[in-house]
Each structure stands twice: as C-alpha cells, then as structure tokens.
Amino acid sequence: MSARTIAIGDVHGCSRALGRLLDAIDPRCDDTIVALGDYIDRGPDTRGVLERLVELESCCRLVPLLGNHEEMLLVAKSGQANVRLWLACGGLATLSSYDSATSFDQIPPRHFAFLEGCRLYHVEGEHFFVHANYLPDLPLEEQDSDILLWRSLRDFTPGPHCSGKTAVVGHTLQPDGQIRDLGHLKCIDTGCYNDGWLTALDVSSGQVWQTNQQGELRE
C-alpha cells in the first residue's frame, strides 16, 4: 500500500476522540500525519492528547504544527505575556488535566519539548499545511506568524496561494461539522471540543474520518 499524508484538525484536549480517530486511521510507519495545531486548552484532557502525540512519533512520521493556543502557553510560560490571557482562553482546562490550578510545574518536560518543536507550516507534494491562514501572494517562509497562527477565515478568506498548492488549515471552526472545501483551501476544524467532530483528511484520496468527544466514529 502507498504511503498516506493525513491531516488532523484542532484537537483541543479531546483525547478520547483523538484515540478513536487514530485507531480508525491505523497509521503505518511510512504514513505522514500532519497535526494542524491547537492540541491543548478547552477540552478535558490536554495531558492525554500530548501523551498520545508523543507516542505517535514512534510509529509513523508525525509533523506537528504550532497553533495559536500552543503559542499562548509557550509565551506565557516564558514570562513574555500575561498568564491570565492564556488561562481565559482555555488554559485553565489544560492545567486541570495536569492536576494543577495555577502552575506550569506539573506539565512534564517532554510535553513542553514536543510543543517547542512544532512548526509554523509544512509542505508535502501538492499541499501545504498551516494552522490558521496565509497571504496568497507571499511564499510561506515570508509569512508573518500572526497570519499563520491567528487570522480567522471569517476575517479573511485567501485566494489560491502563489505556489499553486492546495492549503489545508484548521483554526476556523466549521459549526456544521463539515470540511470547508474551496478547492484551493480546505478547512478541517469541525469543533470537537464544542460538541462537534475531530476530523482527519487523507489529502490524496480524500478519505475523511471523524470522531466526537465520546469516541464515536461518524459514518
């Protein structure tokens, strides 16, 4: 069987959904899994999500992207930003999953190492992957991180990228639980933490897997 490239949308602490999704995908050693960021915050089990992703690195090629929530955590931990902003945006749920109400100390170093190693973008074949958005006329290496991590598709929907490649993004929640497919852009954040679905997309075959917080697979 040929190797697959599969993107996974925003997990947001939904470890049961992620586990069921990966069981359904059954990654092989030559597959590439591109995780689009926002692994943490809001949902009930950030700790379990990060542990599963760290384990996943040993059984396939995992390409983890940075999301705006990971950036908020890392900046808050470094003392460069007010911790309260991150806590108000879902960080309280993350700390709770580590049995802590106020401190980063319970988050293990391997989880921080994983987050610090996340990329801003990834290019694979005829696709590129970013967490949130892009400017169509700039090469990816020249894009501002605020665009890649924070700009919602509700505020700005880009045209085709100058590379000619198809964009696969998360970040902008699709409340109908369906992938937003513009041809040149596919958004696969379908709101798992918000009673929606966690979505994975095989970018070559178009196969889609979706699971919810209860670990149910959508038919």
N, C-alpha and C. Protein backbone atom coordinates (compact mmCIF):
# COMPACT_ATOMS: atom_id res chain seq x y z
N MET A 1 0.85 -1.20 0.00
CA MET A 1 0.00 0.00 0.00
C MET A 1 0.88 1.25 0.00
N SER A 2 0.42 2.28 -0.72
CA SER A 2 1.22 3.50 -0.81
C SER A 2 1.11 4.31 0.48
N ALA A 3 2.14 5.11 0.74
CA ALA A 3 2.16 5.94 1.93
C ALA A 3 1.08 7.02 1.82
N ARG A 4 0.50 7.36 2.96
CA ARG A 4 -0.56 8.36 3.01
C ARG A 4 -0.07 9.62 3.71
N THR A 5 -0.65 10.77 3.33
CA THR A 5 -0.46 12.02 4.06
C THR A 5 -1.82 12.43 4.60
N ILE A 6 -1.93 12.46 5.93
CA ILE A 6 -3.22 12.66 6.59
C ILE A 6 -3.11 13.85 7.54
N ALA A 7 -4.01 14.81 7.37
CA ALA A 7 -4.07 15.98 8.25
C ALA A 7 -5.12 15.74 9.33
N ILE A 8 -4.81 16.19 10.54
CA ILE A 8 -5.75 16.12 11.67
C ILE A 8 -6.01 17.53 12.18
N GLY A 9 -7.29 17.88 12.34
CA GLY A 9 -7.67 19.21 12.76
C GLY A 9 -7.49 19.45 14.26
N ASP A 10 -8.05 20.54 14.73
CA ASP A 10 -7.86 21.03 16.09
C ASP A 10 -8.42 20.04 17.11
N VAL A 11 -7.57 19.53 17.99
CA VAL A 11 -7.97 18.51 18.96
C VAL A 11 -8.52 19.13 20.24
N HIS A 12 -7.89 20.18 20.72
CA HIS A 12 -8.33 20.93 21.91
C HIS A 12 -8.66 20.02 23.09
N GLY A 13 -7.71 19.17 23.47
CA GLY A 13 -7.86 18.40 24.70
C GLY A 13 -8.82 17.24 24.64
N CYS A 14 -9.29 16.88 23.46
CA CYS A 14 -10.26 15.78 23.32
C CYS A 14 -9.51 14.47 23.06
N SER A 15 -8.96 13.88 24.11
CA SER A 15 -8.10 12.72 23.95
C SER A 15 -8.85 11.47 23.50
N ARG A 16 -10.08 11.31 23.96
CA ARG A 16 -10.84 10.12 23.54
C ARG A 16 -11.13 10.17 22.05
N ALA A 17 -11.48 11.35 21.55
CA ALA A 17 -11.72 11.50 20.11
C ALA A 17 -10.44 11.23 19.33
N LEU A 18 -9.31 11.75 19.80
CA LEU A 18 -8.04 11.54 19.10
C LEU A 18 -7.68 10.06 19.08
N GLY A 19 -7.84 9.39 20.21
CA GLY A 19 -7.50 7.97 20.27
C GLY A 19 -8.34 7.15 19.31
N ARG A 20 -9.64 7.43 19.28
CA ARG A 20 -10.53 6.68 18.37
C ARG A 20 -10.20 6.99 16.92
N LEU A 21 -9.87 8.25 16.64
CA LEU A 21 -9.51 8.64 15.27
C LEU A 21 -8.27 7.90 14.81
N LEU A 22 -7.25 7.86 15.66
CA LEU A 22 -6.01 7.18 15.28
C LEU A 22 -6.22 5.68 15.15
N ASP A 23 -7.09 5.12 15.97
CA ASP A 23 -7.40 3.68 15.82
C ASP A 23 -8.03 3.42 14.45
N ALA A 24 -8.91 4.34 14.02
CA ALA A 24 -9.58 4.16 12.73
C ALA A 24 -8.60 4.36 11.57
N ILE A 25 -7.71 5.33 11.70
CA ILE A 25 -6.73 5.59 10.65
C ILE A 25 -5.70 4.46 10.57
N ASP A 26 -5.31 3.94 11.75
CA ASP A 26 -4.30 2.88 11.85
C ASP A 26 -3.02 3.27 11.11
N PRO A 27 -2.30 4.30 11.59
CA PRO A 27 -1.14 4.81 10.87
C PRO A 27 -0.06 3.73 10.68
N ARG A 28 0.51 3.72 9.49
CA ARG A 28 1.62 2.83 9.18
C ARG A 28 2.92 3.61 9.24
N CYS A 29 4.03 2.90 9.30
CA CYS A 29 5.32 3.55 9.52
C CYS A 29 5.68 4.52 8.40
N ASP A 30 5.17 4.29 7.18
CA ASP A 30 5.52 5.18 6.07
C ASP A 30 4.47 6.27 5.84
N ASP A 31 3.44 6.34 6.69
CA ASP A 31 2.45 7.41 6.60
C ASP A 31 3.00 8.69 7.23
N THR A 32 2.51 9.83 6.74
CA THR A 32 2.78 11.13 7.34
C THR A 32 1.49 11.67 7.94
N ILE A 33 1.52 11.96 9.24
CA ILE A 33 0.40 12.59 9.92
C ILE A 33 0.78 14.04 10.19
N VAL A 34 0.03 14.96 9.61
CA VAL A 34 0.26 16.39 9.86
C VAL A 34 -0.82 16.87 10.82
N ALA A 35 -0.42 17.17 12.05
CA ALA A 35 -1.35 17.68 13.06
C ALA A 35 -1.32 19.20 12.97
N LEU A 36 -2.49 19.81 12.85
CA LEU A 36 -2.58 21.23 12.48
C LEU A 36 -2.54 22.19 13.65
N GLY A 37 -2.23 21.70 14.86
CA GLY A 37 -2.10 22.61 16.00
C GLY A 37 -3.36 22.68 16.84
N ASP A 38 -3.29 23.47 17.93
CA ASP A 38 -4.35 23.55 18.93
C ASP A 38 -4.67 22.17 19.50
N TYR A 39 -3.64 21.55 20.05
CA TYR A 39 -3.80 20.27 20.74
C TYR A 39 -4.34 20.49 22.14
N ILE A 40 -4.11 21.68 22.68
CA ILE A 40 -4.32 21.96 24.09
C ILE A 40 -5.54 22.85 24.30
N ASP A 41 -5.91 23.03 25.59
CA ASP A 41 -6.91 24.00 26.04
C ASP A 41 -8.35 23.57 25.71
N ARG A 42 -9.25 24.09 26.50
CA ARG A 42 -10.71 23.98 26.31
C ARG A 42 -11.26 22.59 26.61
N GLY A 43 -10.78 21.56 25.95
CA GLY A 43 -11.27 20.21 26.18
C GLY A 43 -10.74 19.63 27.49
N PRO A 44 -11.19 18.41 27.86
CA PRO A 44 -10.95 17.89 29.20
C PRO A 44 -9.59 17.26 29.44
N ASP A 45 -8.82 16.90 28.40
CA ASP A 45 -7.64 16.07 28.64
C ASP A 45 -6.46 16.43 27.74
N THR A 46 -5.96 17.65 27.89
CA THR A 46 -4.76 18.05 27.15
C THR A 46 -3.61 17.10 27.43
N ARG A 47 -3.46 16.70 28.69
CA ARG A 47 -2.36 15.79 29.04
C ARG A 47 -2.42 14.51 28.20
N GLY A 48 -3.59 13.91 28.10
CA GLY A 48 -3.73 12.69 27.32
C GLY A 48 -3.47 12.90 25.85
N VAL A 49 -3.89 14.05 25.32
CA VAL A 49 -3.65 14.36 23.90
C VAL A 49 -2.16 14.44 23.62
N LEU A 50 -1.43 15.19 24.43
CA LEU A 50 0.00 15.34 24.19
C LEU A 50 0.74 14.02 24.37
N GLU A 51 0.31 13.22 25.33
CA GLU A 51 0.96 11.93 25.54
C GLU A 51 0.76 11.04 24.31
N ARG A 52 -0.45 11.06 23.75
CA ARG A 52 -0.72 10.24 22.57
C ARG A 52 0.09 10.72 21.37
N LEU A 53 0.24 12.02 21.21
CA LEU A 53 1.02 12.56 20.09
C LEU A 53 2.50 12.24 20.24
N VAL A 54 3.02 12.33 21.44
CA VAL A 54 4.43 11.96 21.67
C VAL A 54 4.63 10.49 21.31
N GLU A 55 3.71 9.63 21.70
CA GLU A 55 3.80 8.21 21.37
C GLU A 55 3.70 7.98 19.86
N LEU A 56 2.89 8.78 19.19
CA LEU A 56 2.66 8.62 17.75
C LEU A 56 3.95 8.82 16.95
N GLU A 57 4.84 9.64 17.48
CA GLU A 57 6.10 9.91 16.77
C GLU A 57 6.92 8.64 16.54
N SER A 58 6.68 7.61 17.34
CA SER A 58 7.47 6.38 17.22
C SER A 58 6.90 5.39 16.22
N CYS A 59 5.68 5.65 15.70
CA CYS A 59 5.08 4.65 14.82
C CYS A 59 4.76 5.16 13.42
N CYS A 60 4.97 6.45 13.16
CA CYS A 60 4.79 7.00 11.82
C CYS A 60 5.56 8.31 11.76
N ARG A 61 5.50 8.98 10.64
CA ARG A 61 6.13 10.30 10.52
C ARG A 61 5.12 11.34 10.96
N LEU A 62 5.32 11.90 12.12
CA LEU A 62 4.42 12.93 12.64
C LEU A 62 5.02 14.31 12.39
N VAL A 63 4.21 15.19 11.79
CA VAL A 63 4.61 16.58 11.57
C VAL A 63 3.66 17.46 12.38
N PRO A 64 4.05 17.89 13.59
CA PRO A 64 3.16 18.71 14.40
C PRO A 64 3.36 20.20 14.10
N LEU A 65 2.26 20.87 13.81
CA LEU A 65 2.30 22.30 13.60
C LEU A 65 1.93 23.05 14.88
N LEU A 66 2.41 24.25 14.98
CA LEU A 66 2.09 25.12 16.11
C LEU A 66 0.74 25.76 15.87
N GLY A 67 -0.08 25.80 16.92
CA GLY A 67 -1.34 26.54 16.88
C GLY A 67 -1.25 27.77 17.77
N ASN A 68 -2.24 28.64 17.66
CA ASN A 68 -2.21 29.85 18.49
C ASN A 68 -2.32 29.52 19.97
N HIS A 69 -2.98 28.42 20.34
CA HIS A 69 -3.08 28.07 21.75
C HIS A 69 -1.74 27.58 22.29
N GLU A 70 -0.99 26.83 21.51
CA GLU A 70 0.36 26.43 21.94
C GLU A 70 1.25 27.67 22.08
N GLU A 71 1.12 28.60 21.14
CA GLU A 71 1.93 29.82 21.24
C GLU A 71 1.59 30.57 22.52
N MET A 72 0.30 30.69 22.85
CA MET A 72 -0.08 31.39 24.08
C MET A 72 0.54 30.74 25.31
N LEU A 73 0.50 29.40 25.36
CA LEU A 73 1.08 28.70 26.50
C LEU A 73 2.58 28.93 26.59
N LEU A 74 3.28 28.78 25.48
CA LEU A 74 4.74 28.91 25.50
C LEU A 74 5.16 30.33 25.84
N VAL A 75 4.45 31.32 25.31
CA VAL A 75 4.78 32.71 25.62
C VAL A 75 4.48 33.03 27.08
N ALA A 76 3.36 32.50 27.59
CA ALA A 76 3.03 32.72 29.00
C ALA A 76 4.07 32.08 29.92
N LYS A 77 4.49 30.87 29.57
CA LYS A 77 5.48 30.18 30.39
C LYS A 77 6.81 30.94 30.40
N SER A 78 7.15 31.56 29.28
CA SER A 78 8.43 32.28 29.19
C SER A 78 8.41 33.61 29.92
N GLY A 79 7.22 34.03 30.38
CA GLY A 79 7.10 35.30 31.09
C GLY A 79 6.96 36.50 30.18
N GLN A 80 6.77 36.25 28.87
CA GLN A 80 6.66 37.36 27.93
C GLN A 80 5.24 37.86 27.75
N ALA A 81 4.28 37.22 28.40
CA ALA A 81 2.88 37.64 28.28
C ALA A 81 2.16 37.36 29.59
N ASN A 82 1.02 38.00 29.74
CA ASN A 82 0.20 37.81 30.92
C ASN A 82 -0.42 36.40 30.90
N VAL A 83 -0.14 35.64 31.93
CA VAL A 83 -0.66 34.27 32.01
C VAL A 83 -2.19 34.26 32.00
N ARG A 84 -2.80 35.31 32.50
CA ARG A 84 -4.26 35.34 32.59
C ARG A 84 -4.92 35.26 31.22
N LEU A 85 -4.28 35.82 30.19
CA LEU A 85 -4.85 35.74 28.85
C LEU A 85 -4.97 34.29 28.40
N TRP A 86 -3.89 33.53 28.58
CA TRP A 86 -3.93 32.12 28.20
C TRP A 86 -4.96 31.35 29.03
N LEU A 87 -5.00 31.61 30.34
CA LEU A 87 -5.95 30.92 31.20
C LEU A 87 -7.39 31.20 30.77
N ALA A 88 -7.66 32.45 30.36
CA ALA A 88 -9.01 32.82 29.95
C ALA A 88 -9.40 32.20 28.62
N CYS A 89 -8.41 31.77 27.84
CA CYS A 89 -8.67 31.19 26.52
C CYS A 89 -8.63 29.67 26.53
N GLY A 90 -8.80 29.08 27.70
CA GLY A 90 -8.86 27.63 27.80
C GLY A 90 -7.73 27.00 28.58
N GLY A 91 -6.78 27.83 29.02
CA GLY A 91 -5.64 27.30 29.75
C GLY A 91 -5.99 26.66 31.08
N LEU A 92 -7.07 27.11 31.70
CA LEU A 92 -7.49 26.51 32.97
C LEU A 92 -7.78 25.02 32.80
N ALA A 93 -8.40 24.66 31.68
CA ALA A 93 -8.69 23.25 31.41
C ALA A 93 -7.40 22.46 31.22
N THR A 94 -6.41 23.09 30.60
CA THR A 94 -5.12 22.41 30.41
C THR A 94 -4.46 22.14 31.75
N LEU A 95 -4.36 23.15 32.61
CA LEU A 95 -3.73 22.95 33.92
C LEU A 95 -4.50 21.91 34.73
N SER A 96 -5.82 21.93 34.64
CA SER A 96 -6.62 20.96 35.37
C SER A 96 -6.31 19.53 34.95
N SER A 97 -6.00 19.33 33.68
CA SER A 97 -5.69 17.98 33.22
C SER A 97 -4.38 17.46 33.81
N TYR A 98 -3.55 18.38 34.30
CA TYR A 98 -2.30 18.00 34.99
C TYR A 98 -2.45 18.12 36.51
N ASP A 99 -3.69 18.20 36.98
CA ASP A 99 -3.98 18.32 38.42
C ASP A 99 -3.35 19.55 39.03
N SER A 100 -3.36 20.65 38.27
CA SER A 100 -2.83 21.91 38.77
C SER A 100 -3.82 23.02 38.46
N ALA A 101 -3.91 23.98 39.36
CA ALA A 101 -4.81 25.10 39.14
C ALA A 101 -4.07 26.37 38.73
N THR A 102 -2.79 26.45 39.07
CA THR A 102 -2.10 27.73 38.88
C THR A 102 -0.69 27.61 38.32
N SER A 103 -0.12 26.41 38.25
CA SER A 103 1.31 26.30 37.98
C SER A 103 1.60 25.45 36.75
N PHE A 104 2.67 25.83 36.03
CA PHE A 104 3.16 25.02 34.90
C PHE A 104 3.99 23.82 35.35
N ASP A 105 4.30 23.75 36.64
CA ASP A 105 5.29 22.79 37.12
C ASP A 105 4.88 21.34 36.90
N GLN A 106 3.58 21.07 36.83
CA GLN A 106 3.12 19.69 36.67
C GLN A 106 3.17 19.21 35.21
N ILE A 107 3.38 20.13 34.27
CA ILE A 107 3.47 19.75 32.86
C ILE A 107 4.86 19.18 32.61
N PRO A 108 4.97 17.92 32.17
CA PRO A 108 6.29 17.29 32.06
C PRO A 108 7.15 17.92 30.97
N PRO A 109 8.47 17.90 31.15
CA PRO A 109 9.37 18.49 30.15
C PRO A 109 9.18 17.92 28.75
N ARG A 110 8.83 16.64 28.63
CA ARG A 110 8.67 16.06 27.29
C ARG A 110 7.49 16.68 26.55
N HIS A 111 6.49 17.15 27.28
CA HIS A 111 5.35 17.80 26.63
C HIS A 111 5.75 19.19 26.15
N PHE A 112 6.50 19.92 26.98
CA PHE A 112 6.99 21.22 26.52
C PHE A 112 7.96 21.06 25.35
N ALA A 113 8.80 20.03 25.39
CA ALA A 113 9.74 19.80 24.28
C ALA A 113 8.97 19.52 22.99
N PHE A 114 7.89 18.76 23.09
CA PHE A 114 7.07 18.49 21.91
C PHE A 114 6.50 19.79 21.35
N LEU A 115 5.93 20.63 22.21
CA LEU A 115 5.33 21.88 21.76
C LEU A 115 6.37 22.84 21.18
N GLU A 116 7.53 22.88 21.80
CA GLU A 116 8.59 23.77 21.31
C GLU A 116 9.14 23.33 19.95
N GLY A 117 8.93 22.06 19.61
CA GLY A 117 9.40 21.55 18.33
C GLY A 117 8.39 21.66 17.20
N CYS A 118 7.22 22.23 17.49
CA CYS A 118 6.19 22.34 16.46
C CYS A 118 6.58 23.38 15.40
N ARG A 119 6.15 23.17 14.18
CA ARG A 119 6.50 24.02 13.05
C ARG A 119 5.37 25.01 12.74
N LEU A 120 5.72 26.06 11.99
CA LEU A 120 4.72 27.03 11.55
C LEU A 120 3.99 26.56 10.31
N TYR A 121 4.65 25.77 9.47
CA TYR A 121 4.00 25.29 8.25
C TYR A 121 4.71 24.03 7.77
N HIS A 122 4.06 23.33 6.86
CA HIS A 122 4.66 22.14 6.26
C HIS A 122 4.19 22.04 4.82
N VAL A 123 5.09 21.62 3.93
CA VAL A 123 4.77 21.43 2.52
C VAL A 123 5.01 19.97 2.17
N GLU A 124 4.03 19.37 1.51
CA GLU A 124 4.13 17.96 1.15
C GLU A 124 3.41 17.77 -0.19
N GLY A 125 4.16 17.44 -1.23
CA GLY A 125 3.56 17.21 -2.53
C GLY A 125 2.82 18.43 -3.03
N GLU A 126 1.55 18.26 -3.36
CA GLU A 126 0.74 19.35 -3.91
C GLU A 126 -0.05 20.10 -2.84
N HIS A 127 0.32 19.91 -1.58
CA HIS A 127 -0.39 20.56 -0.47
C HIS A 127 0.58 21.28 0.45
N PHE A 128 0.06 22.31 1.11
CA PHE A 128 0.79 22.88 2.25
C PHE A 128 -0.18 23.00 3.42
N PHE A 129 0.39 23.01 4.61
CA PHE A 129 -0.39 22.92 5.83
C PHE A 129 0.01 24.05 6.77
N VAL A 130 -0.96 24.80 7.25
CA VAL A 130 -0.73 25.83 8.27
C VAL A 130 -1.89 25.75 9.27
N HIS A 131 -1.69 26.34 10.44
CA HIS A 131 -2.75 26.25 11.43
C HIS A 131 -3.98 27.05 11.03
N ALA A 132 -3.79 28.32 10.62
CA ALA A 132 -4.95 29.20 10.52
C ALA A 132 -5.19 29.78 9.13
N ASN A 133 -4.17 30.40 8.53
CA ASN A 133 -4.43 31.19 7.33
C ASN A 133 -3.11 31.52 6.65
N TYR A 134 -3.18 32.24 5.54
CA TYR A 134 -1.98 32.62 4.79
C TYR A 134 -2.32 33.81 3.90
N LEU A 135 -1.29 34.50 3.45
CA LEU A 135 -1.44 35.52 2.43
C LEU A 135 -1.12 34.90 1.08
N PRO A 136 -1.98 35.05 0.08
CA PRO A 136 -1.82 34.29 -1.15
C PRO A 136 -0.60 34.67 -1.98
N ASP A 137 -0.08 35.87 -1.84
CA ASP A 137 0.98 36.35 -2.72
C ASP A 137 2.38 36.26 -2.11
N LEU A 138 2.49 35.67 -0.92
CA LEU A 138 3.79 35.57 -0.25
C LEU A 138 4.20 34.11 -0.09
N PRO A 139 5.48 33.77 -0.37
CA PRO A 139 5.96 32.43 -0.04
C PRO A 139 5.78 32.16 1.45
N LEU A 140 5.60 30.90 1.80
CA LEU A 140 5.32 30.55 3.18
C LEU A 140 6.42 31.02 4.13
N GLU A 141 7.66 30.94 3.69
CA GLU A 141 8.76 31.33 4.57
C GLU A 141 8.80 32.83 4.86
N GLU A 142 8.01 33.62 4.12
CA GLU A 142 7.96 35.07 4.34
C GLU A 142 6.69 35.50 5.06
N GLN A 143 5.83 34.56 5.41
CA GLN A 143 4.56 34.89 6.06
C GLN A 143 4.77 35.27 7.52
N ASP A 144 4.01 36.23 7.99
CA ASP A 144 4.02 36.62 9.40
C ASP A 144 3.34 35.54 10.23
N SER A 145 3.92 35.23 11.37
CA SER A 145 3.35 34.16 12.20
C SER A 145 1.96 34.51 12.70
N ASP A 146 1.64 35.79 12.85
CA ASP A 146 0.29 36.16 13.28
C ASP A 146 -0.76 35.72 12.26
N ILE A 147 -0.41 35.78 10.98
CA ILE A 147 -1.33 35.32 9.94
C ILE A 147 -1.47 33.80 10.01
N LEU A 148 -0.34 33.10 10.10
CA LEU A 148 -0.34 31.64 10.08
C LEU A 148 -1.03 31.05 11.30
N LEU A 149 -0.97 31.75 12.44
CA LEU A 149 -1.48 31.19 13.69
C LEU A 149 -2.83 31.75 14.13
N TRP A 150 -3.15 32.98 13.73
CA TRP A 150 -4.27 33.67 14.36
C TRP A 150 -5.39 34.11 13.42
N ARG A 151 -5.09 34.39 12.15
CA ARG A 151 -6.08 35.03 11.28
C ARG A 151 -7.20 34.06 10.91
N SER A 152 -8.41 34.39 11.30
CA SER A 152 -9.56 33.54 11.03
C SER A 152 -10.00 33.67 9.57
N LEU A 153 -10.52 32.59 9.04
CA LEU A 153 -11.10 32.64 7.69
C LEU A 153 -12.37 33.50 7.68
N ARG A 154 -12.96 33.73 8.84
CA ARG A 154 -14.12 34.62 8.90
C ARG A 154 -13.73 36.07 8.65
N ASP A 155 -12.49 36.41 8.99
CA ASP A 155 -12.00 37.77 8.78
C ASP A 155 -11.37 37.96 7.41
N PHE A 156 -10.76 36.89 6.90
CA PHE A 156 -10.07 36.98 5.61
C PHE A 156 -10.00 35.60 4.99
N THR A 157 -10.61 35.46 3.82
CA THR A 157 -10.55 34.20 3.09
C THR A 157 -9.63 34.38 1.90
N PRO A 158 -8.45 33.74 1.92
CA PRO A 158 -7.47 34.00 0.87
C PRO A 158 -7.83 33.29 -0.43
N GLY A 159 -7.31 33.82 -1.52
CA GLY A 159 -7.40 33.13 -2.79
C GLY A 159 -6.32 32.07 -2.89
N PRO A 160 -6.16 31.46 -4.06
CA PRO A 160 -5.13 30.44 -4.25
C PRO A 160 -3.73 30.99 -3.94
N HIS A 161 -2.91 30.15 -3.35
CA HIS A 161 -1.55 30.55 -3.00
C HIS A 161 -0.67 30.59 -4.24
N CYS A 162 0.31 31.47 -4.21
CA CYS A 162 1.20 31.65 -5.37
C CYS A 162 1.99 30.40 -5.72
N SER A 163 2.11 29.47 -4.80
CA SER A 163 2.81 28.21 -5.08
C SER A 163 1.99 27.28 -5.97
N GLY A 164 0.69 27.54 -6.06
CA GLY A 164 -0.19 26.65 -6.79
C GLY A 164 -0.63 25.44 -6.00
N LYS A 165 -0.17 25.32 -4.76
CA LYS A 165 -0.51 24.16 -3.92
C LYS A 165 -1.80 24.42 -3.16
N THR A 166 -2.46 23.35 -2.76
CA THR A 166 -3.71 23.42 -2.00
C THR A 166 -3.41 23.55 -0.52
N ALA A 167 -4.08 24.51 0.12
CA ALA A 167 -3.88 24.74 1.56
C ALA A 167 -4.81 23.84 2.37
N VAL A 168 -4.28 23.30 3.47
CA VAL A 168 -5.09 22.56 4.45
C VAL A 168 -4.88 23.25 5.79
N VAL A 169 -5.97 23.74 6.39
CA VAL A 169 -5.88 24.56 7.59
C VAL A 169 -6.89 24.10 8.63
N GLY A 170 -6.73 24.60 9.85
CA GLY A 170 -7.69 24.42 10.92
C GLY A 170 -8.14 25.77 11.42
N HIS A 171 -8.27 25.91 12.74
CA HIS A 171 -8.44 27.18 13.46
C HIS A 171 -9.85 27.77 13.37
N THR A 172 -10.42 27.84 12.16
CA THR A 172 -11.73 28.46 12.00
C THR A 172 -12.80 27.38 12.09
N LEU A 173 -13.51 27.36 13.21
CA LEU A 173 -14.47 26.29 13.47
C LEU A 173 -15.61 26.30 12.45
N GLN A 174 -15.88 25.12 11.91
CA GLN A 174 -17.00 24.93 10.99
C GLN A 174 -18.17 24.34 11.76
N PRO A 175 -19.17 25.16 12.11
CA PRO A 175 -20.21 24.70 13.04
C PRO A 175 -21.10 23.60 12.48
N ASP A 176 -21.11 23.41 11.16
CA ASP A 176 -21.94 22.34 10.60
C ASP A 176 -21.25 20.98 10.63
N GLY A 177 -19.99 20.95 11.13
CA GLY A 177 -19.29 19.69 11.25
C GLY A 177 -18.75 19.15 9.94
N GLN A 178 -18.79 19.97 8.88
CA GLN A 178 -18.32 19.55 7.57
C GLN A 178 -17.04 20.29 7.19
N ILE A 179 -16.17 19.65 6.43
CA ILE A 179 -14.98 20.31 5.92
C ILE A 179 -15.40 21.46 5.00
N ARG A 180 -14.77 22.61 5.16
CA ARG A 180 -14.99 23.72 4.23
C ARG A 180 -14.02 23.55 3.07
N ASP A 181 -14.54 23.29 1.90
CA ASP A 181 -13.71 22.97 0.73
C ASP A 181 -13.92 24.04 -0.33
N LEU A 182 -12.88 24.87 -0.52
CA LEU A 182 -12.92 25.92 -1.54
C LEU A 182 -12.12 25.53 -2.78
N GLY A 183 -11.69 24.29 -2.84
CA GLY A 183 -10.85 23.85 -3.94
C GLY A 183 -9.39 24.12 -3.66
N HIS A 184 -9.02 25.40 -3.57
CA HIS A 184 -7.63 25.76 -3.28
C HIS A 184 -7.32 25.72 -1.79
N LEU A 185 -8.37 25.56 -0.96
CA LEU A 185 -8.22 25.60 0.51
C LEU A 185 -9.24 24.66 1.13
N LYS A 186 -8.79 23.89 2.12
CA LYS A 186 -9.69 23.02 2.87
C LYS A 186 -9.48 23.29 4.36
N CYS A 187 -10.56 23.62 5.05
CA CYS A 187 -10.51 23.86 6.50
C CYS A 187 -11.15 22.69 7.22
N ILE A 188 -10.39 22.07 8.12
CA ILE A 188 -10.88 20.84 8.76
C ILE A 188 -11.05 20.98 10.28
N ASP A 189 -11.20 22.22 10.78
CA ASP A 189 -11.57 22.37 12.19
C ASP A 189 -13.09 22.27 12.28
N THR A 190 -13.57 21.16 12.81
CA THR A 190 -15.01 20.92 12.89
C THR A 190 -15.50 20.85 14.34
N GLY A 191 -14.74 21.50 15.25
CA GLY A 191 -15.26 21.83 16.58
C GLY A 191 -15.47 20.69 17.54
N CYS A 192 -14.50 19.80 17.66
CA CYS A 192 -14.69 18.64 18.54
C CYS A 192 -15.02 19.05 19.97
N TYR A 193 -14.29 20.03 20.52
CA TYR A 193 -14.50 20.41 21.92
C TYR A 193 -15.88 21.05 22.11
N ASN A 194 -16.46 21.53 21.02
CA ASN A 194 -17.71 22.28 21.07
C ASN A 194 -18.88 21.41 20.60
N ASP A 195 -18.87 20.14 21.03
CA ASP A 195 -19.91 19.18 20.66
C ASP A 195 -19.94 18.89 19.17
N GLY A 196 -18.80 19.08 18.51
CA GLY A 196 -18.69 18.77 17.10
C GLY A 196 -17.84 17.53 16.88
N TRP A 197 -16.96 17.59 15.89
CA TRP A 197 -16.20 16.43 15.46
C TRP A 197 -14.72 16.76 15.33
N LEU A 198 -13.89 15.76 15.56
CA LEU A 198 -12.47 15.84 15.24
C LEU A 198 -12.29 15.19 13.87
N THR A 199 -11.68 15.91 12.94
CA THR A 199 -11.62 15.47 11.56
C THR A 199 -10.19 15.16 11.13
N ALA A 200 -10.05 14.08 10.38
CA ALA A 200 -8.80 13.74 9.69
C ALA A 200 -9.09 13.61 8.21
N LEU A 201 -8.15 14.05 7.38
CA LEU A 201 -8.33 14.04 5.93
C LEU A 201 -7.09 13.46 5.26
N ASP A 202 -7.27 12.41 4.49
CA ASP A 202 -6.22 11.92 3.60
C ASP A 202 -6.21 12.85 2.39
N VAL A 203 -5.16 13.65 2.25
CA VAL A 203 -5.20 14.73 1.27
C VAL A 203 -5.11 14.22 -0.17
N SER A 204 -4.64 13.01 -0.37
CA SER A 204 -4.55 12.47 -1.72
C SER A 204 -5.84 11.75 -2.14
N SER A 205 -6.34 10.86 -1.30
CA SER A 205 -7.53 10.08 -1.66
C SER A 205 -8.83 10.80 -1.33
N GLY A 206 -8.77 11.78 -0.42
CA GLY A 206 -9.98 12.46 0.02
C GLY A 206 -10.74 11.74 1.11
N GLN A 207 -10.22 10.61 1.60
CA GLN A 207 -10.91 9.89 2.67
C GLN A 207 -10.95 10.74 3.93
N VAL A 208 -12.09 10.71 4.60
CA VAL A 208 -12.31 11.50 5.81
C VAL A 208 -12.69 10.58 6.96
N TRP A 209 -12.13 10.85 8.13
CA TRP A 209 -12.53 10.19 9.37
C TRP A 209 -12.97 11.28 10.34
N GLN A 210 -14.03 11.03 11.11
CA GLN A 210 -14.48 11.98 12.13
C GLN A 210 -14.91 11.24 13.39
N THR A 211 -14.51 11.77 14.53
CA THR A 211 -14.92 11.22 15.82
C THR A 211 -15.35 12.36 16.73
N ASN A 212 -16.15 12.03 17.75
CA ASN A 212 -16.57 13.06 18.71
C ASN A 212 -15.95 12.80 20.08
N GLN A 213 -16.29 13.65 21.04
CA GLN A 213 -15.69 13.56 22.37
C GLN A 213 -16.02 12.24 23.07
N GLN A 214 -17.10 11.60 22.68
CA GLN A 214 -17.46 10.31 23.27
C GLN A 214 -16.72 9.16 22.62
N GLY A 215 -15.90 9.45 21.62
CA GLY A 215 -15.16 8.41 20.93
C GLY A 215 -15.97 7.68 19.88
N GLU A 216 -17.06 8.28 19.45
CA GLU A 216 -17.90 7.67 18.42
C GLU A 216 -17.41 8.07 17.05
N LEU A 217 -17.36 7.10 16.15
CA LEU A 217 -16.92 7.33 14.78
C LEU A 217 -18.12 7.71 13.93
N ARG A 218 -17.98 8.80 13.20
CA ARG A 218 -19.09 9.26 12.34
C ARG A 218 -19.10 8.45 11.05
N GLU A 219 -20.25 7.92 10.72
CA GLU A 219 -20.38 7.11 9.50
C GLU A 219 -20.65 8.01 8.30
